[in-house]
Amino acid sequence: MSYSCRNLWLDEQGQDIAEYSVMLAVILVIVVGTVRLIGSNAGSIFSQVGSSIQ
């Protein structure tokens, strides 16, 4: 019993998946935040350029 518990505790295969999922979540948050920020600013800039051309 103690041998199997020790093997589960020392097994590191699940850590790779957890680390990659956390890294992916952080990257997605950064990308979504950047796209939302640039998207709202780009929309107002295009509106200003369109108004000045007319």
C-alpha atoms as a PDB file:
ATOM      1  CA  MET A   1       0.000   0.000   0.000  1.00  0.00           C
ATOM      2  CA  SER A   2       2.705   2.473   0.957  1.00  0.00           C
ATOM      3  CA  TYR A   3       4.659   1.580  -2.195  1.00  0.00           C
ATOM      4  CA  SER A   4       1.743   2.472  -4.482  1.00  0.00           C
ATOM      5  CA  CYS A   5       1.084   5.721  -2.584  1.00  0.00           C
ATOM      6  CA  ARG A   6       4.745   6.630  -2.892  1.00  0.00           C
ATOM      7  CA  ASN A   7       4.685   5.961  -6.640  1.00  0.00           C
ATOM      8  CA  LEU A   8       1.617   8.178  -7.078  1.00  0.00           C
ATOM      9  CA  TRP A   9       3.281  10.965  -5.093  1.00  0.00           C
ATOM     10  CA  LEU A  10       6.517  10.803  -7.078  1.00  0.00           C
ATOM     11  CA  ASP A  11       4.882  10.381 -10.500  1.00  0.00           C
ATOM     12  CA  GLU A  12       5.485  13.558 -12.521  1.00  0.00           C
ATOM     13  CA  GLN A  13       3.538  12.829 -15.710  1.00  0.00           C
ATOM     14  CA  GLY A  14       0.489  14.830 -14.669  1.00  0.00           C
ATOM     15  CA  GLN A  15       2.558  17.887 -13.852  1.00  0.00           C
ATOM     16  CA  ASP A  16       3.473  18.469 -17.489  1.00  0.00           C
ATOM     17  CA  ILE A  17      -0.173  18.640 -18.519  1.00  0.00           C
ATOM     18  CA  ALA A  18      -1.017  21.003 -15.666  1.00  0.00           C
ATOM     19  CA  GLU A  19       1.909  23.299 -16.452  1.00  0.00           C
ATOM     20  CA  TYR A  20       1.025  23.471 -20.139  1.00  0.00           C
ATOM     21  CA  SER A  21      -2.629  24.179 -19.391  1.00  0.00           C
ATOM     22  CA  VAL A  22      -1.741  27.012 -17.001  1.00  0.00           C
ATOM     23  CA  MET A  23       0.693  28.457 -19.547  1.00  0.00           C
ATOM     24  CA  LEU A  24      -1.957  28.241 -22.271  1.00  0.00           C
ATOM     25  CA  ALA A  25      -4.520  29.974 -20.049  1.00  0.00           C
ATOM     26  CA  VAL A  26      -2.126  32.844 -19.302  1.00  0.00           C
ATOM     27  CA  ILE A  27      -1.291  33.276 -22.992  1.00  0.00           C
ATOM     28  CA  LEU A  28      -4.980  33.269 -23.912  1.00  0.00           C
ATOM     29  CA  VAL A  29      -5.772  35.926 -21.316  1.00  0.00           C
ATOM     30  CA  ILE A  30      -2.986  38.132 -22.659  1.00  0.00           C
ATOM     31  CA  VAL A  31      -4.056  37.656 -26.284  1.00  0.00           C
ATOM     32  CA  VAL A  32      -7.739  38.278 -25.593  1.00  0.00           C
ATOM     33  CA  GLY A  33      -6.941  41.390 -23.558  1.00  0.00           C
ATOM     34  CA  THR A  34      -4.687  42.748 -26.280  1.00  0.00           C
ATOM     35  CA  VAL A  35      -7.202  42.073 -29.035  1.00  0.00           C
ATOM     36  CA  ARG A  36      -9.984  43.763 -27.076  1.00  0.00           C
ATOM     37  CA  LEU A  37      -7.796  46.794 -26.379  1.00  0.00           C
ATOM     38  CA  ILE A  38      -6.573  47.140 -29.943  1.00  0.00           C
ATOM     39  CA  GLY A  39      -9.999  46.353 -31.373  1.00  0.00           C
ATOM     40  CA  SER A  40     -11.757  49.159 -29.530  1.00  0.00           C
ATOM     41  CA  ASN A  41      -9.017  51.657 -30.370  1.00  0.00           C
ATOM     42  CA  ALA A  42      -8.856  50.566 -34.004  1.00  0.00           C
ATOM     43  CA  GLY A  43     -12.609  50.988 -34.401  1.00  0.00           C
ATOM     44  CA  SER A  44     -12.507  54.585 -33.182  1.00  0.00           C
ATOM     45  CA  ILE A  45      -9.486  55.390 -35.356  1.00  0.00           C
ATOM     46  CA  PHE A  46     -11.179  54.005 -38.468  1.00  0.00           C
ATOM     47  CA  SER A  47     -14.283  56.048 -37.652  1.00  0.00           C
ATOM     48  CA  GLN A  48     -12.222  59.225 -37.338  1.00  0.00           C
ATOM     49  CA  VAL A  49     -10.386  58.547 -40.608  1.00  0.00           C
ATOM     50  CA  GLY A  50     -13.677  57.829 -42.387  1.00  0.00           C
ATOM     51  CA  SER A  51     -15.219  61.026 -41.081  1.00  0.00           C
ATOM     52  CA  SER A  52     -12.244  63.138 -42.108  1.00  0.00           C
ATOM     53  CA  ILE A  53     -12.214  61.684 -45.639  1.00  0.00           C
ATOM     54  CA  GLN A  54     -15.870  62.548 -46.233  1.00  0.00           C
END
